Amino acid sequence: DVMAEALAKADIAAPIVPVIANVTAEKVSDPDAIRQAL
């Protein structure tokens, strides 16, 4: 819950190289999808 609040305020851009997310084991690039994954 704390991280959901902190990440909602964070300035996140699409990465210049795709990142594989821990929770999905799939590529994540969209900023909102990054917030959700983290």
PDB file of all heavy atoms in Angstrom:
ATOM      1  N   ASP A   1       0.837  -1.213   0.000  1.00  0.00           N
ATOM      2  CA  ASP A   1       0.000   0.000   0.000  1.00  0.00           C
ATOM      3  C   ASP A   1       0.869   1.260   0.000  1.00  0.00           C
ATOM      4  O   ASP A   1       0.577   2.230  -0.709  1.00  0.00           O
ATOM      5  CB  ASP A   1      -0.917   0.006   1.233  1.00  0.00           C
ATOM      6  CG  ASP A   1      -1.955  -1.119   1.194  1.00  0.00           C
ATOM      7  OD1 ASP A   1      -2.206  -1.661   0.097  1.00  0.00           O
ATOM      8  OD2 ASP A   1      -2.489  -1.466   2.266  1.00  0.00           O
ATOM      9  N   VAL A   2       1.951   1.240   0.781  1.00  0.00           N
ATOM     10  CA  VAL A   2       2.871   2.383   0.828  1.00  0.00           C
ATOM     11  C   VAL A   2       3.499   2.606  -0.552  1.00  0.00           C
ATOM     12  O   VAL A   2       3.590   3.743  -1.036  1.00  0.00           O
ATOM     13  CB  VAL A   2       3.978   2.154   1.886  1.00  0.00           C
ATOM     14  CG1 VAL A   2       5.082   3.212   1.769  1.00  0.00           C
ATOM     15  CG2 VAL A   2       3.381   2.175   3.289  1.00  0.00           C
ATOM     16  N   MET A   3       3.931   1.522  -1.198  1.00  0.00           N
ATOM     17  CA  MET A   3       4.586   1.654  -2.501  1.00  0.00           C
ATOM     18  C   MET A   3       3.608   2.062  -3.593  1.00  0.00           C
ATOM     19  O   MET A   3       3.984   2.776  -4.524  1.00  0.00           O
ATOM     20  CB  MET A   3       5.301   0.356  -2.877  1.00  0.00           C
ATOM     21  CG  MET A   3       6.540   0.077  -2.044  1.00  0.00           C
ATOM     22  SD  MET A   3       7.639   1.516  -1.850  1.00  0.00           S
ATOM     23  CE  MET A   3       8.166   1.769  -3.558  1.00  0.00           C
ATOM     24  N   ALA A   4       2.355   1.633  -3.487  1.00  0.00           N
ATOM     25  CA  ALA A   4       1.346   2.063  -4.469  1.00  0.00           C
ATOM     26  C   ALA A   4       1.224   3.584  -4.447  1.00  0.00           C
ATOM     27  O   ALA A   4       1.166   4.241  -5.507  1.00  0.00           O
ATOM     28  CB  ALA A   4       0.005   1.409  -4.157  1.00  0.00           C
ATOM     29  N   GLU A   5       1.226   4.130  -3.243  1.00  0.00           N
ATOM     30  CA  GLU A   5       1.115   5.594  -3.087  1.00  0.00           C
ATOM     31  C   GLU A   5       2.381   6.291  -3.594  1.00  0.00           C
ATOM     32  O   GLU A   5       2.301   7.293  -4.318  1.00  0.00           O
ATOM     33  CB  GLU A   5       0.886   5.916  -1.612  1.00  0.00           C
ATOM     34  CG  GLU A   5       0.504   7.360  -1.353  1.00  0.00           C
ATOM     35  CD  GLU A   5       0.202   7.625   0.121  1.00  0.00           C
ATOM     36  OE1 GLU A   5      -0.282   6.723   0.812  1.00  0.00           O
ATOM     37  OE2 GLU A   5       0.474   8.759   0.563  1.00  0.00           O
ATOM     38  N   ALA A   6       3.549   5.762  -3.229  1.00  0.00           N
ATOM     39  CA  ALA A   6       4.819   6.384  -3.647  1.00  0.00           C
ATOM     40  C   ALA A   6       4.993   6.325  -5.162  1.00  0.00           C
ATOM     41  O   ALA A   6       5.433   7.293  -5.795  1.00  0.00           O
ATOM     42  CB  ALA A   6       5.988   5.693  -2.959  1.00  0.00           C
ATOM     43  N   LEU A   7       4.640   5.186  -5.759  1.00  0.00           N
ATOM     44  CA  LEU A   7       4.812   5.014  -7.208  1.00  0.00           C
ATOM     45  C   LEU A   7       3.796   5.836  -7.992  1.00  0.00           C
ATOM     46  O   LEU A   7       4.082   6.281  -9.107  1.00  0.00           O
ATOM     47  CB  LEU A   7       4.703   3.534  -7.575  1.00  0.00           C
ATOM     48  CG  LEU A   7       5.912   2.691  -7.140  1.00  0.00           C
ATOM     49  CD1 LEU A   7       5.545   1.209  -7.051  1.00  0.00           C
ATOM     50  CD2 LEU A   7       7.093   2.893  -8.097  1.00  0.00           C
ATOM     51  N   ALA A   8       2.627   6.066  -7.412  1.00  0.00           N
ATOM     52  CA  ALA A   8       1.622   6.898  -8.082  1.00  0.00           C
ATOM     53  C   ALA A   8       2.138   8.321  -8.273  1.00  0.00           C
ATOM     54  O   ALA A   8       1.809   8.986  -9.267  1.00  0.00           O
ATOM     55  CB  ALA A   8       0.327   6.911  -7.275  1.00  0.00           C
ATOM     56  N   LYS A   9       2.976   8.770  -7.326  1.00  0.00           N
ATOM     57  CA  LYS A   9       3.517  10.136  -7.403  1.00  0.00           C
ATOM     58  C   LYS A   9       4.811  10.206  -8.219  1.00  0.00           C
ATOM     59  O   LYS A   9       5.277  11.291  -8.562  1.00  0.00           O
ATOM     60  CB  LYS A   9       3.807  10.648  -5.986  1.00  0.00           C
ATOM     61  CG  LYS A   9       2.588  10.783  -5.098  1.00  0.00           C
ATOM     62  CD  LYS A   9       3.018  11.138  -3.676  1.00  0.00           C
ATOM     63  CE  LYS A   9       1.853  11.114  -2.708  1.00  0.00           C
ATOM     64  NZ  LYS A   9       2.320  11.142  -1.309  1.00  0.00           N
ATOM     65  N   ALA A  10       5.427   9.054  -8.483  1.00  0.00           N
ATOM     66  CA  ALA A  10       6.735   9.035  -9.156  1.00  0.00           C
ATOM     67  C   ALA A  10       6.602   9.361 -10.641  1.00  0.00           C
ATOM     68  O   ALA A  10       5.626   8.988 -11.294  1.00  0.00           O
ATOM     69  CB  ALA A  10       7.380   7.666  -8.980  1.00  0.00           C
ATOM     70  N   ASP A  11       7.603  10.055 -11.146  1.00  0.00           N
ATOM     71  CA  ASP A  11       7.656  10.393 -12.568  1.00  0.00           C
ATOM     72  C   ASP A  11       8.333   9.228 -13.293  1.00  0.00           C
ATOM     73  O   ASP A  11       9.538   9.013 -13.144  1.00  0.00           O
ATOM     74  CB  ASP A  11       8.452  11.692 -12.744  1.00  0.00           C
ATOM     75  CG  ASP A  11       8.419  12.203 -14.177  1.00  0.00           C
ATOM     76  OD1 ASP A  11       7.562  11.736 -14.947  1.00  0.00           O
ATOM     77  OD2 ASP A  11       9.265  13.057 -14.521  1.00  0.00           O
ATOM     78  N   ILE A  12       7.553   8.465 -14.048  1.00  0.00           N
ATOM     79  CA  ILE A  12       8.064   7.268 -14.724  1.00  0.00           C
ATOM     80  C   ILE A  12       7.860   7.405 -16.221  1.00  0.00           C
ATOM     81  O   ILE A  12       6.782   7.773 -16.689  1.00  0.00           O
ATOM     82  CB  ILE A  12       7.374   5.986 -14.201  1.00  0.00           C
ATOM     83  CG1 ILE A  12       7.635   5.828 -12.692  1.00  0.00           C
ATOM     84  CG2 ILE A  12       7.854   4.746 -14.955  1.00  0.00           C
ATOM     85  CD1 ILE A  12       6.947   4.629 -12.058  1.00  0.00           C
ATOM     86  N   ALA A  13       8.916   7.105 -16.979  1.00  0.00           N
ATOM     87  CA  ALA A  13       8.869   7.147 -18.446  1.00  0.00           C
ATOM     88  C   ALA A  13       9.020   5.731 -18.991  1.00  0.00           C
ATOM     89  O   ALA A  13       9.413   4.799 -18.273  1.00  0.00           O
ATOM     90  CB  ALA A  13      10.003   8.026 -18.969  1.00  0.00           C
ATOM     91  N   ALA A  14       8.718   5.566 -20.269  1.00  0.00           N
ATOM     92  CA  ALA A  14       8.967   4.270 -20.917  1.00  0.00           C
ATOM     93  C   ALA A  14      10.479   4.061 -21.007  1.00  0.00           C
ATOM     94  O   ALA A  14      11.212   4.956 -21.427  1.00  0.00           O
ATOM     95  CB  ALA A  14       8.357   4.254 -22.315  1.00  0.00           C
ATOM     96  N   PRO A  15      10.997   2.899 -20.585  1.00  0.00           N
ATOM     97  CA  PRO A  15      12.447   2.672 -20.629  1.00  0.00           C
ATOM     98  C   PRO A  15      12.977   2.602 -22.059  1.00  0.00           C
ATOM     99  O   PRO A  15      12.256   2.192 -22.974  1.00  0.00           O
ATOM    100  CB  PRO A  15      12.624   1.339 -19.903  1.00  0.00           C
ATOM    101  CG  PRO A  15      11.299   0.660 -19.996  1.00  0.00           C
ATOM    102  CD  PRO A  15      10.264   1.744 -20.031  1.00  0.00           C
ATOM    103  N   ILE A  16      14.249   2.990 -22.232  1.00  0.00           N
ATOM    104  CA  ILE A  16      14.851   2.977 -23.569  1.00  0.00           C
ATOM    105  C   ILE A  16      15.185   1.551 -24.014  1.00  0.00           C
ATOM    106  O   ILE A  16      15.402   1.301 -25.203  1.00  0.00           O
ATOM    107  CB  ILE A  16      16.122   3.860 -23.631  1.00  0.00           C
ATOM    108  CG1 ILE A  16      17.185   3.380 -22.621  1.00  0.00           C
ATOM    109  CG2 ILE A  16      15.771   5.326 -23.393  1.00  0.00           C
ATOM    110  CD1 ILE A  16      18.539   4.066 -22.767  1.00  0.00           C
ATOM    111  N   VAL A  17      15.224   0.612 -23.066  1.00  0.00           N
ATOM    112  CA  VAL A  17      15.366  -0.812 -23.349  1.00  0.00           C
ATOM    113  C   VAL A  17      14.276  -1.522 -22.545  1.00  0.00           C
ATOM    114  O   VAL A  17      14.099  -1.214 -21.364  1.00  0.00           O
ATOM    115  CB  VAL A  17      16.761  -1.346 -22.923  1.00  0.00           C
ATOM    116  CG1 VAL A  17      16.870  -2.849 -23.158  1.00  0.00           C
ATOM    117  CG2 VAL A  17      17.865  -0.606 -23.675  1.00  0.00           C
ATOM    118  N   PRO A  18      13.520  -2.452 -23.146  1.00  0.00           N
ATOM    119  CA  PRO A  18      12.448  -3.113 -22.396  1.00  0.00           C
ATOM    120  C   PRO A  18      12.974  -3.846 -21.163  1.00  0.00           C
ATOM    121  O   PRO A  18      14.070  -4.411 -21.177  1.00  0.00           O
ATOM    122  CB  PRO A  18      11.861  -4.105 -23.404  1.00  0.00           C
ATOM    123  CG  PRO A  18      12.255  -3.586 -24.743  1.00  0.00           C
ATOM    124  CD  PRO A  18      13.578  -2.905 -24.545  1.00  0.00           C
ATOM    125  N   VAL A  19      12.169  -3.817 -20.096  1.00  0.00           N
ATOM    126  CA  VAL A  19      12.509  -4.474 -18.829  1.00  0.00           C
ATOM    127  C   VAL A  19      11.566  -5.665 -18.629  1.00  0.00           C
ATOM    128  O   VAL A  19      10.366  -5.569 -18.896  1.00  0.00           O
ATOM    129  CB  VAL A  19      12.375  -3.481 -17.651  1.00  0.00           C
ATOM    130  CG1 VAL A  19      12.595  -4.172 -16.319  1.00  0.00           C
ATOM    131  CG2 VAL A  19      13.358  -2.326 -17.823  1.00  0.00           C
ATOM    132  N   ILE A  20      12.121  -6.786 -18.164  1.00  0.00           N
ATOM    133  CA  ILE A  20      11.296  -7.941 -17.822  1.00  0.00           C
ATOM    134  C   ILE A  20      10.866  -7.797 -16.366  1.00  0.00           C
ATOM    135  O   ILE A  20      11.702  -7.703 -15.468  1.00  0.00           O
ATOM    136  CB  ILE A  20      12.070  -9.267 -18.015  1.00  0.00           C
ATOM    137  CG1 ILE A  20      12.569  -9.401 -19.459  1.00  0.00           C
ATOM    138  CG2 ILE A  20      11.198 -10.463 -17.619  1.00  0.00           C
ATOM    139  CD1 ILE A  20      11.492  -9.488 -20.509  1.00  0.00           C
ATOM    140  N   ALA A  21       9.558  -7.774 -16.122  1.00  0.00           N
ATOM    141  CA  ALA A  21       9.030  -7.573 -14.770  1.00  0.00           C
ATOM    142  C   ALA A  21       9.066  -8.870 -13.977  1.00  0.00           C
ATOM    143  O   ALA A  21       8.733  -9.936 -14.489  1.00  0.00           O
ATOM    144  CB  ALA A  21       7.597  -7.047 -14.847  1.00  0.00           C
ATOM    145  N   ASN A  22       9.446  -8.774 -12.706  1.00  0.00           N
ATOM    146  CA  ASN A  22       9.503  -9.946 -11.816  1.00  0.00           C
ATOM    147  C   ASN A  22       8.168 -10.685 -11.721  1.00  0.00           C
ATOM    148  O   ASN A  22       8.131 -11.909 -11.732  1.00  0.00           O
ATOM    149  CB  ASN A  22       9.887  -9.518 -10.402  1.00  0.00           C
ATOM    150  CG  ASN A  22      11.367  -9.237 -10.222  1.00  0.00           C
ATOM    151  OD1 ASN A  22      11.827  -9.051  -9.101  1.00  0.00           O
ATOM    152  ND2 ASN A  22      12.149  -9.201 -11.290  1.00  0.00           N
ATOM    153  N   VAL A  23       7.082  -9.927 -11.583  1.00  0.00           N
ATOM    154  CA  VAL A  23       5.798 -10.558 -11.251  1.00  0.00           C
ATOM    155  C   VAL A  23       5.105 -11.204 -12.442  1.00  0.00           C
ATOM    156  O   VAL A  23       4.262 -12.082 -12.267  1.00  0.00           O
ATOM    157  CB  VAL A  23       4.819  -9.567 -10.567  1.00  0.00           C
ATOM    158  CG1 VAL A  23       5.315  -9.202  -9.181  1.00  0.00           C
ATOM    159  CG2 VAL A  23       4.576  -8.337 -11.411  1.00  0.00           C
ATOM    160  N   THR A  24       5.476 -10.783 -13.659  1.00  0.00           N
ATOM    161  CA  THR A  24       4.844 -11.361 -14.856  1.00  0.00           C
ATOM    162  C   THR A  24       5.813 -12.174 -15.705  1.00  0.00           C
ATOM    163  O   THR A  24       5.390 -12.978 -16.528  1.00  0.00           O
ATOM    164  CB  THR A  24       4.260 -10.254 -15.756  1.00  0.00           C
ATOM    165  OG1 THR A  24       5.333  -9.385 -16.181  1.00  0.00           O
ATOM    166  CG2 THR A  24       3.199  -9.444 -15.024  1.00  0.00           C
ATOM    167  N   ALA A  25       7.122 -11.952 -15.509  1.00  0.00           N
ATOM    168  CA  ALA A  25       8.160 -12.557 -16.359  1.00  0.00           C
ATOM    169  C   ALA A  25       7.933 -12.181 -17.826  1.00  0.00           C
ATOM    170  O   ALA A  25       8.258 -12.933 -18.733  1.00  0.00           O
ATOM    171  CB  ALA A  25       8.211 -14.078 -16.183  1.00  0.00           C
ATOM    172  N   GLU A  26       7.399 -10.981 -18.026  1.00  0.00           N
ATOM    173  CA  GLU A  26       7.144 -10.474 -19.380  1.00  0.00           C
ATOM    174  C   GLU A  26       7.667  -9.045 -19.503  1.00  0.00           C
ATOM    175  O   GLU A  26       7.887  -8.369 -18.502  1.00  0.00           O
ATOM    176  CB  GLU A  26       5.637 -10.496 -19.683  1.00  0.00           C
ATOM    177  CG  GLU A  26       5.062 -11.899 -19.763  1.00  0.00           C
ATOM    178  CD  GLU A  26       3.545 -11.898 -19.910  1.00  0.00           C
ATOM    179  OE1 GLU A  26       2.941 -10.796 -19.925  1.00  0.00           O
ATOM    180  OE2 GLU A  26       2.966 -12.991 -19.998  1.00  0.00           O
ATOM    181  N   LYS A  27       7.826  -8.608 -20.759  1.00  0.00           N
ATOM    182  CA  LYS A  27       8.291  -7.244 -21.015  1.00  0.00           C
ATOM    183  C   LYS A  27       7.297  -6.220 -20.485  1.00  0.00           C
ATOM    184  O   LYS A  27       6.085  -6.395 -20.620  1.00  0.00           O
ATOM    185  CB  LYS A  27       8.462  -7.013 -22.529  1.00  0.00           C
ATOM    186  CG  LYS A  27       9.752  -7.520 -23.083  1.00  0.00           C
ATOM    187  CD  LYS A  27      10.116  -6.860 -24.409  1.00  0.00           C
ATOM    188  CE  LYS A  27       9.139  -7.145 -25.514  1.00  0.00           C
ATOM    189  NZ  LYS A  27       9.678  -6.655 -26.819  1.00  0.00           N
ATOM    190  N   VAL A  28       7.844  -5.150 -19.907  1.00  0.00           N
ATOM    191  CA  VAL A  28       6.995  -4.043 -19.462  1.00  0.00           C
ATOM    192  C   VAL A  28       7.650  -2.738 -19.918  1.00  0.00           C
ATOM    193  O   VAL A  28       8.851  -2.544 -19.749  1.00  0.00           O
ATOM    194  CB  VAL A  28       6.783  -4.088 -17.930  1.00  0.00           C
ATOM    195  CG1 VAL A  28       8.100  -3.953 -17.178  1.00  0.00           C
ATOM    196  CG2 VAL A  28       5.812  -3.022 -17.470  1.00  0.00           C
ATOM    197  N   SER A  29       6.857  -1.877 -20.549  1.00  0.00           N
ATOM    198  CA  SER A  29       7.376  -0.587 -21.028  1.00  0.00           C
ATOM    199  C   SER A  29       6.461   0.579 -20.691  1.00  0.00           C
ATOM    200  O   SER A  29       6.917   1.695 -20.486  1.00  0.00           O
ATOM    201  CB  SER A  29       7.592  -0.627 -22.555  1.00  0.00           C
ATOM    202  OG  SER A  29       8.681  -1.453 -22.877  1.00  0.00           O
ATOM    203  N   ASP A  30       5.161   0.324 -20.627  1.00  0.00           N
ATOM    204  CA  ASP A  30       4.199   1.380 -20.334  1.00  0.00           C
ATOM    205  C   ASP A  30       4.356   1.856 -18.876  1.00  0.00           C
ATOM    206  O   ASP A  30       4.413   1.039 -17.958  1.00  0.00           O
ATOM    207  CB  ASP A  30       2.778   0.849 -20.544  1.00  0.00           C
ATOM    208  CG  ASP A  30       1.728   1.848 -20.121  1.00  0.00           C
ATOM    209  OD1 ASP A  30       1.541   2.850 -20.830  1.00  0.00           O
ATOM    210  OD2 ASP A  30       1.113   1.642 -19.041  1.00  0.00           O
ATOM    211  N   PRO A  31       4.461   3.168 -18.644  1.00  0.00           N
ATOM    212  CA  PRO A  31       4.678   3.678 -17.282  1.00  0.00           C
ATOM    213  C   PRO A  31       3.657   3.193 -16.250  1.00  0.00           C
ATOM    214  O   PRO A  31       4.021   2.850 -15.123  1.00  0.00           O
ATOM    215  CB  PRO A  31       4.619   5.191 -17.458  1.00  0.00           C
ATOM    216  CG  PRO A  31       5.130   5.408 -18.854  1.00  0.00           C
ATOM    217  CD  PRO A  31       4.584   4.258 -19.650  1.00  0.00           C
ATOM    218  N   ASP A  32       2.373   3.140 -16.627  1.00  0.00           N
ATOM    219  CA  ASP A  32       1.368   2.665 -15.664  1.00  0.00           C
ATOM    220  C   ASP A  32       1.535   1.175 -15.380  1.00  0.00           C
ATOM    221  O   ASP A  32       1.324   0.720 -14.249  1.00  0.00           O
ATOM    222  CB  ASP A  32      -0.048   2.959 -16.174  1.00  0.00           C
ATOM    223  CG  ASP A  32      -0.413   4.431 -16.025  1.00  0.00           C
ATOM    224  OD1 ASP A  32       0.177   5.086 -15.137  1.00  0.00           O
ATOM    225  OD2 ASP A  32      -1.255   4.926 -16.787  1.00  0.00           O
ATOM    226  N   ALA A  33       1.928   0.408 -16.394  1.00  0.00           N
ATOM    227  CA  ALA A  33       2.181  -1.026 -16.191  1.00  0.00           C
ATOM    228  C   ALA A  33       3.405  -1.228 -15.302  1.00  0.00           C
ATOM    229  O   ALA A  33       3.448  -2.161 -14.487  1.00  0.00           O
ATOM    230  CB  ALA A  33       2.385  -1.717 -17.538  1.00  0.00           C
ATOM    231  N   ILE A  34       4.398  -0.344 -15.430  1.00  0.00           N
ATOM    232  CA  ILE A  34       5.586  -0.397 -14.561  1.00  0.00           C
ATOM    233  C   ILE A  34       5.180  -0.134 -13.116  1.00  0.00           C
ATOM    234  O   ILE A  34       5.599  -0.856 -12.197  1.00  0.00           O
ATOM    235  CB  ILE A  34       6.653   0.616 -15.032  1.00  0.00           C
ATOM    236  CG1 ILE A  34       7.274   0.149 -16.355  1.00  0.00           C
ATOM    237  CG2 ILE A  34       7.739   0.812 -13.966  1.00  0.00           C
ATOM    238  CD1 ILE A  34       8.130   1.197 -17.045  1.00  0.00           C
ATOM    239  N   ARG A  35       4.352   0.893 -12.898  1.00  0.00           N
ATOM    240  CA  ARG A  35       3.870   1.192 -11.540  1.00  0.00           C
ATOM    241  C   ARG A  35       3.160  -0.025 -10.933  1.00  0.00           C
ATOM    242  O   ARG A  35       3.392  -0.389  -9.782  1.00  0.00           O
ATOM    243  CB  ARG A  35       2.894   2.380 -11.570  1.00  0.00           C
ATOM    244  CG  ARG A  35       3.552   3.718 -11.726  1.00  0.00           C
ATOM    245  CD  ARG A  35       2.558   4.855 -11.552  1.00  0.00           C
ATOM    246  NE  ARG A  35       3.230   6.118 -11.776  1.00  0.00           N
ATOM    247  CZ  ARG A  35       3.343   6.707 -12.965  1.00  0.00           C
ATOM    248  NH1 ARG A  35       2.808   6.139 -14.041  1.00  0.00           N
ATOM    249  NH2 ARG A  35       3.985   7.855 -13.097  1.00  0.00           N
ATOM    250  N   GLN A  36       2.302  -0.634 -11.735  1.00  0.00           N
ATOM    251  CA  GLN A  36       1.534  -1.786 -11.258  1.00  0.00           C
ATOM    252  C   GLN A  36       2.464  -2.964 -10.929  1.00  0.00           C
ATOM    253  O   GLN A  36       2.319  -3.620  -9.891  1.00  0.00           O
ATOM    254  CB  GLN A  36       0.513  -2.196 -12.316  1.00  0.00           C
ATOM    255  CG  GLN A  36      -0.438  -3.282 -11.842  1.00  0.00           C
ATOM    256  CD  GLN A  36      -1.512  -3.591 -12.870  1.00  0.00           C
ATOM    257  OE1 GLN A  36      -1.495  -3.103 -13.982  1.00  0.00           O
ATOM    258  NE2 GLN A  36      -2.467  -4.433 -12.494  1.00  0.00           N
ATOM    259  N   ALA A  37       3.432  -3.216 -11.816  1.00  0.00           N
ATOM    260  CA  ALA A  37       4.353  -4.340 -11.606  1.00  0.00           C
ATOM    261  C   ALA A  37       5.194  -4.143 -10.346  1.00  0.00           C
ATOM    262  O   ALA A  37       5.398  -5.086  -9.573  1.00  0.00           O
ATOM    263  CB  ALA A  37       5.252  -4.509 -12.831  1.00  0.00           C
ATOM    264  N   LEU A  38       5.678  -2.919 -10.135  1.00  0.00           N
ATOM    265  CA  LEU A  38       6.503  -2.646  -8.950  1.00  0.00           C
ATOM    266  C   LEU A  38       5.673  -2.708  -7.664  1.00  0.00           C
ATOM    267  O   LEU A  38       6.178  -3.124  -6.618  1.00  0.00           O
ATOM    268  CB  LEU A  38       7.181  -1.283  -9.077  1.00  0.00           C
ATOM    269  CG  LEU A  38       8.280  -1.170 -10.134  1.00  0.00           C
ATOM    270  CD1 LEU A  38       8.805   0.263 -10.203  1.00  0.00           C
ATOM    271  CD2 LEU A  38       9.421  -2.142  -9.865  1.00  0.00           C
TER     272      LEU A  38
END
